């Protein structure tokens, strides 16, 4: 029983320490306001195709040949078909929280993403910053999503450029 408690306590301490290190990093800075969409040089999802997460079940880099600008951000696609699907219903394919890290948003923080750290839950795309944030987020997806939804609604944002 003591050994079991020790492991549980150690596990919790490790989780808190790892979480604190994530929150303390520059990637988890909490600016006064953020863009509605996480972009690098105007390109969302680091150039990955948002439709591919749904259609192929994996992240796929988009190409310059197939792009679509929507609400101030440029999205790239791997094919003309994916580009057409996005144009027809962008809300269906957009990542949650403007493409920022789902775990960070659950903690009321903002962080960049790694396009290879993702999940589709109830038909919505969620991205995370790294292996650790995705692992911690995955422990209780539904409660983290509920917290992140609430935080995102209140998070200060700059208006999108049309």
C-alpha atoms as a PDB file:
ATOM      1  CA  UNK A   1       0.000   0.000   0.000  1.00  0.00           C
ATOM      2  CA  UNK A   2       2.816   2.431   0.863  1.00  0.00           C
ATOM      3  CA  UNK A   3       4.647   1.523  -2.348  1.00  0.00           C
ATOM      4  CA  UNK A   4       1.471   2.125  -4.360  1.00  0.00           C
ATOM      5  CA  UNK A   5       0.968   5.541  -2.738  1.00  0.00           C
ATOM      6  CA  UNK A   6       4.597   6.411  -3.389  1.00  0.00           C
ATOM      7  CA  UNK A   7       4.241   5.564  -7.062  1.00  0.00           C
ATOM      8  CA  UNK A   8       1.031   7.586  -7.307  1.00  0.00           C
ATOM      9  CA  UNK A   9       2.638  10.543  -5.550  1.00  0.00           C
ATOM     10  CA  UNK A  10       5.755  10.255  -7.677  1.00  0.00           C
ATOM     11  CA  UNK A  11       3.618  10.111 -10.818  1.00  0.00           C
ATOM     12  CA  UNK A  12       1.724  13.218  -9.792  1.00  0.00           C
ATOM     13  CA  UNK A  13       4.932  15.066  -8.935  1.00  0.00           C
ATOM     14  CA  UNK A  14       6.405  14.128 -12.286  1.00  0.00           C
ATOM     15  CA  UNK A  15       3.286  15.304 -14.119  1.00  0.00           C
ATOM     16  CA  UNK A  16       3.281  18.611 -12.226  1.00  0.00           C
ATOM     17  CA  UNK A  17       7.001  19.132 -12.870  1.00  0.00           C
ATOM     18  CA  UNK A  18       6.655  18.363 -16.557  1.00  0.00           C
ATOM     19  CA  UNK A  19       3.580  20.559 -16.824  1.00  0.00           C
ATOM     20  CA  UNK A  20       5.358  23.421 -15.047  1.00  0.00           C
ATOM     21  CA  UNK A  21       8.287  23.155 -17.428  1.00  0.00           C
ATOM     22  CA  UNK A  22       5.897  23.396 -20.386  1.00  0.00           C
ATOM     23  CA  UNK A  23       4.089  26.380 -18.942  1.00  0.00           C
ATOM     24  CA  UNK A  24       7.345  28.141 -18.178  1.00  0.00           C
ATOM     25  CA  UNK A  25       8.714  27.855 -21.690  1.00  0.00           C
ATOM     26  CA  UNK A  26       8.631  30.729 -24.143  1.00  0.00           C
ATOM     27  CA  UNK A  27       6.224  28.756 -26.319  1.00  0.00           C
ATOM     28  CA  UNK A  28       3.642  28.952 -23.546  1.00  0.00           C
ATOM     29  CA  UNK A  29       3.835  32.703 -23.101  1.00  0.00           C
ATOM     30  CA  UNK A  30       0.545  34.410 -22.476  1.00  0.00           C
ATOM     31  CA  UNK A  31       0.438  37.527 -24.646  1.00  0.00           C
ATOM     32  CA  UNK A  32      -2.066  40.314 -24.152  1.00  0.00           C
ATOM     33  CA  UNK A  33      -3.780  39.205 -27.339  1.00  0.00           C
ATOM     34  CA  UNK A  34      -3.232  36.616 -30.040  1.00  0.00           C
ATOM     35  CA  UNK A  35      -4.152  36.252 -33.665  1.00  0.00           C
ATOM     36  CA  UNK A  36      -7.290  34.252 -34.228  1.00  0.00           C
ATOM     37  CA  UNK A  37      -5.287  31.826 -36.358  1.00  0.00           C
ATOM     38  CA  UNK A  38      -1.811  30.524 -35.597  1.00  0.00           C
ATOM     39  CA  UNK A  39       0.300  31.256 -38.680  1.00  0.00           C
ATOM     40  CA  UNK A  40       3.910  31.450 -39.745  1.00  0.00           C
ATOM     41  CA  UNK A  41       4.395  34.084 -42.424  1.00  0.00           C
ATOM     42  CA  UNK A  42       0.625  34.003 -43.018  1.00  0.00           C
ATOM     43  CA  UNK A  43       0.491  30.225 -43.552  1.00  0.00           C
ATOM     44  CA  UNK A  44      -1.684  28.209 -41.166  1.00  0.00           C
ATOM     45  CA  UNK A  45      -0.885  24.735 -39.819  1.00  0.00           C
ATOM     46  CA  UNK A  46       2.771  25.165 -40.742  1.00  0.00           C
ATOM     47  CA  UNK A  47       1.752  24.401 -44.326  1.00  0.00           C
ATOM     48  CA  UNK A  48       0.027  21.101 -43.558  1.00  0.00           C
ATOM     49  CA  UNK A  49      -3.227  20.147 -45.274  1.00  0.00           C
ATOM     50  CA  UNK A  50      -6.137  20.398 -42.776  1.00  0.00           C
ATOM     51  CA  UNK A  51      -8.323  18.074 -44.854  1.00  0.00           C
ATOM     52  CA  UNK A  52      -5.706  15.306 -44.920  1.00  0.00           C
ATOM     53  CA  UNK A  53      -6.047  14.707 -41.175  1.00  0.00           C
ATOM     54  CA  UNK A  54      -9.631  13.638 -41.885  1.00  0.00           C
ATOM     55  CA  UNK A  55      -9.247  11.981 -45.298  1.00  0.00           C
ATOM     56  CA  UNK A  56      -5.968  10.069 -44.862  1.00  0.00           C
ATOM     57  CA  UNK A  57      -5.765   9.924 -41.069  1.00  0.00           C
ATOM     58  CA  UNK A  58      -2.310  11.472 -40.964  1.00  0.00           C
ATOM     59  CA  UNK A  59      -0.634  14.857 -41.378  1.00  0.00           C
ATOM     60  CA  UNK A  60       0.347  15.638 -44.971  1.00  0.00           C
ATOM     61  CA  UNK A  61       2.247  18.682 -46.170  1.00  0.00           C
ATOM     62  CA  UNK A  62       0.351  20.941 -48.504  1.00  0.00           C
ATOM     63  CA  UNK A  63       1.860  22.371 -51.674  1.00  0.00           C
ATOM     64  CA  UNK A  64       1.997  25.911 -53.051  1.00  0.00           C
ATOM     65  CA  UNK A  65      -0.060  24.856 -56.076  1.00  0.00           C
ATOM     66  CA  UNK A  66      -3.162  24.277 -53.935  1.00  0.00           C
ATOM     67  CA  UNK A  67      -3.838  27.108 -51.509  1.00  0.00           C
ATOM     68  CA  UNK A  68      -6.845  28.931 -50.188  1.00  0.00           C
ATOM     69  CA  UNK A  69      -6.884  32.146 -48.180  1.00  0.00           C
ATOM     70  CA  UNK A  70      -9.566  32.195 -45.514  1.00  0.00           C
ATOM     71  CA  UNK A  71     -10.047  34.743 -42.730  1.00  0.00           C
ATOM     72  CA  UNK A  72      -6.565  36.178 -43.066  1.00  0.00           C
ATOM     73  CA  UNK A  73      -4.653  32.901 -43.232  1.00  0.00           C
ATOM     74  CA  UNK A  74      -3.394  30.853 -46.148  1.00  0.00           C
ATOM     75  CA  UNK A  75      -4.068  27.124 -46.055  1.00  0.00           C
ATOM     76  CA  UNK A  76      -2.152  24.671 -48.209  1.00  0.00           C
ATOM     77  CA  UNK A  77      -3.471  21.390 -49.543  1.00  0.00           C
ATOM     78  CA  UNK A  78      -1.954  18.216 -50.910  1.00  0.00           C
ATOM     79  CA  UNK A  79      -4.483  17.998 -53.766  1.00  0.00           C
ATOM     80  CA  UNK A  80      -7.093  19.939 -55.703  1.00  0.00           C
ATOM     81  CA  UNK A  81      -9.724  17.638 -54.183  1.00  0.00           C
ATOM     82  CA  UNK A  82      -8.738  18.566 -50.616  1.00  0.00           C
ATOM     83  CA  UNK A  83      -8.659  22.233 -51.575  1.00  0.00           C
ATOM     84  CA  UNK A  84     -12.217  21.958 -52.960  1.00  0.00           C
ATOM     85  CA  UNK A  85     -13.462  20.138 -49.844  1.00  0.00           C
ATOM     86  CA  UNK A  86     -12.048  22.891 -47.623  1.00  0.00           C
ATOM     87  CA  UNK A  87     -13.511  25.685 -49.762  1.00  0.00           C
ATOM     88  CA  UNK A  88     -16.935  24.058 -49.542  1.00  0.00           C
ATOM     89  CA  UNK A  89     -16.894  23.793 -45.729  1.00  0.00           C
ATOM     90  CA  UNK A  90     -13.854  25.349 -44.011  1.00  0.00           C
ATOM     91  CA  UNK A  91     -15.319  25.096 -40.487  1.00  0.00           C
ATOM     92  CA  UNK A  92     -15.439  21.317 -40.816  1.00  0.00           C
ATOM     93  CA  UNK A  93     -11.666  21.058 -41.299  1.00  0.00           C
ATOM     94  CA  UNK A  94     -10.205  23.904 -39.263  1.00  0.00           C
ATOM     95  CA  UNK A  95      -8.259  22.972 -36.151  1.00  0.00           C
ATOM     96  CA  UNK A  96      -9.716  24.035 -32.836  1.00  0.00           C
ATOM     97  CA  UNK A  97      -8.414  27.094 -30.971  1.00  0.00           C
ATOM     98  CA  UNK A  98      -7.146  28.756 -34.115  1.00  0.00           C
ATOM     99  CA  UNK A  99      -4.529  26.061 -34.597  1.00  0.00           C
ATOM    100  CA  UNK A 100      -2.885  26.649 -31.228  1.00  0.00           C
ATOM    101  CA  UNK A 101      -2.020  23.861 -28.785  1.00  0.00           C
ATOM    102  CA  UNK A 102      -5.120  22.249 -27.278  1.00  0.00           C
ATOM    103  CA  UNK A 103      -3.372  21.324 -24.034  1.00  0.00           C
ATOM    104  CA  UNK A 104      -1.985  24.827 -23.528  1.00  0.00           C
ATOM    105  CA  UNK A 105      -5.435  26.292 -24.128  1.00  0.00           C
ATOM    106  CA  UNK A 106      -6.863  23.909 -21.513  1.00  0.00           C
ATOM    107  CA  UNK A 107      -4.388  25.540 -19.103  1.00  0.00           C
ATOM    108  CA  UNK A 108      -5.475  29.009 -20.307  1.00  0.00           C
ATOM    109  CA  UNK A 109      -2.192  29.496 -22.142  1.00  0.00           C
ATOM    110  CA  UNK A 110      -1.161  29.811 -25.752  1.00  0.00           C
ATOM    111  CA  UNK A 111       1.439  27.657 -27.496  1.00  0.00           C
ATOM    112  CA  UNK A 112       2.521  26.789 -31.004  1.00  0.00           C
ATOM    113  CA  UNK A 113       1.883  23.331 -32.448  1.00  0.00           C
ATOM    114  CA  UNK A 114       3.690  20.396 -33.955  1.00  0.00           C
ATOM    115  CA  UNK A 115       1.475  19.229 -36.869  1.00  0.00           C
ATOM    116  CA  UNK A 116       2.394  15.608 -36.111  1.00  0.00           C
ATOM    117  CA  UNK A 117       0.803  15.868 -32.625  1.00  0.00           C
ATOM    118  CA  UNK A 118      -2.895  15.716 -33.359  1.00  0.00           C
ATOM    119  CA  UNK A 119      -6.194  13.969 -32.692  1.00  0.00           C
ATOM    120  CA  UNK A 120      -9.689  14.065 -34.113  1.00  0.00           C
ATOM    121  CA  UNK A 121     -12.313  13.981 -31.379  1.00  0.00           C
ATOM    122  CA  UNK A 122     -16.017  14.106 -32.231  1.00  0.00           C
ATOM    123  CA  UNK A 123     -15.196  15.238 -35.757  1.00  0.00           C
ATOM    124  CA  UNK A 124     -12.931  18.115 -34.663  1.00  0.00           C
ATOM    125  CA  UNK A 125      -9.190  18.489 -35.182  1.00  0.00           C
ATOM    126  CA  UNK A 126      -7.026  19.201 -32.130  1.00  0.00           C
ATOM    127  CA  UNK A 127      -3.305  19.902 -32.305  1.00  0.00           C
ATOM    128  CA  UNK A 128      -0.686  19.921 -29.583  1.00  0.00           C
ATOM    129  CA  UNK A 129       2.746  21.431 -29.062  1.00  0.00           C
ATOM    130  CA  UNK A 130       4.831  18.312 -28.447  1.00  0.00           C
ATOM    131  CA  UNK A 131       4.795  14.719 -27.253  1.00  0.00           C
ATOM    132  CA  UNK A 132       4.432  15.691 -23.602  1.00  0.00           C
ATOM    133  CA  UNK A 133       1.560  18.121 -24.101  1.00  0.00           C
ATOM    134  CA  UNK A 134      -0.283  15.619 -26.293  1.00  0.00           C
ATOM    135  CA  UNK A 135       0.263  12.864 -23.736  1.00  0.00           C
ATOM    136  CA  UNK A 136      -1.017  14.993 -20.862  1.00  0.00           C
ATOM    137  CA  UNK A 137      -3.952  16.251 -22.969  1.00  0.00           C
ATOM    138  CA  UNK A 138      -4.853  12.671 -23.942  1.00  0.00           C
ATOM    139  CA  UNK A 139      -5.163  11.560 -20.302  1.00  0.00           C
ATOM    140  CA  UNK A 140      -8.518  13.322 -20.091  1.00  0.00           C
ATOM    141  CA  UNK A 141      -9.443  14.631 -23.532  1.00  0.00           C
ATOM    142  CA  UNK A 142     -13.047  15.487 -22.716  1.00  0.00           C
ATOM    143  CA  UNK A 143     -12.246  17.551 -19.630  1.00  0.00           C
ATOM    144  CA  UNK A 144      -9.311  19.262 -21.346  1.00  0.00           C
ATOM    145  CA  UNK A 145     -11.528  20.075 -24.335  1.00  0.00           C
ATOM    146  CA  UNK A 146     -14.207  21.515 -22.040  1.00  0.00           C
ATOM    147  CA  UNK A 147     -11.609  23.697 -20.274  1.00  0.00           C
ATOM    148  CA  UNK A 148      -9.981  24.762 -23.533  1.00  0.00           C
ATOM    149  CA  UNK A 149     -13.355  25.623 -25.106  1.00  0.00           C
ATOM    150  CA  UNK A 150     -14.172  27.831 -22.140  1.00  0.00           C
ATOM    151  CA  UNK A 151     -10.721  29.461 -22.132  1.00  0.00           C
ATOM    152  CA  UNK A 152     -10.685  30.043 -25.907  1.00  0.00           C
ATOM    153  CA  UNK A 153     -14.034  31.821 -25.739  1.00  0.00           C
ATOM    154  CA  UNK A 154     -12.560  34.266 -23.213  1.00  0.00           C
ATOM    155  CA  UNK A 155      -9.014  34.505 -24.601  1.00  0.00           C
ATOM    156  CA  UNK A 156      -8.109  37.988 -25.826  1.00  0.00           C
ATOM    157  CA  UNK A 157      -7.867  37.973 -29.591  1.00  0.00           C
ATOM    158  CA  UNK A 158      -6.927  40.383 -32.331  1.00  0.00           C
ATOM    159  CA  UNK A 159      -9.560  40.720 -35.047  1.00  0.00           C
ATOM    160  CA  UNK A 160      -9.032  38.532 -38.066  1.00  0.00           C
ATOM    161  CA  UNK A 161      -7.980  40.214 -41.298  1.00  0.00           C
ATOM    162  CA  UNK A 162     -10.411  39.443 -44.083  1.00  0.00           C
END
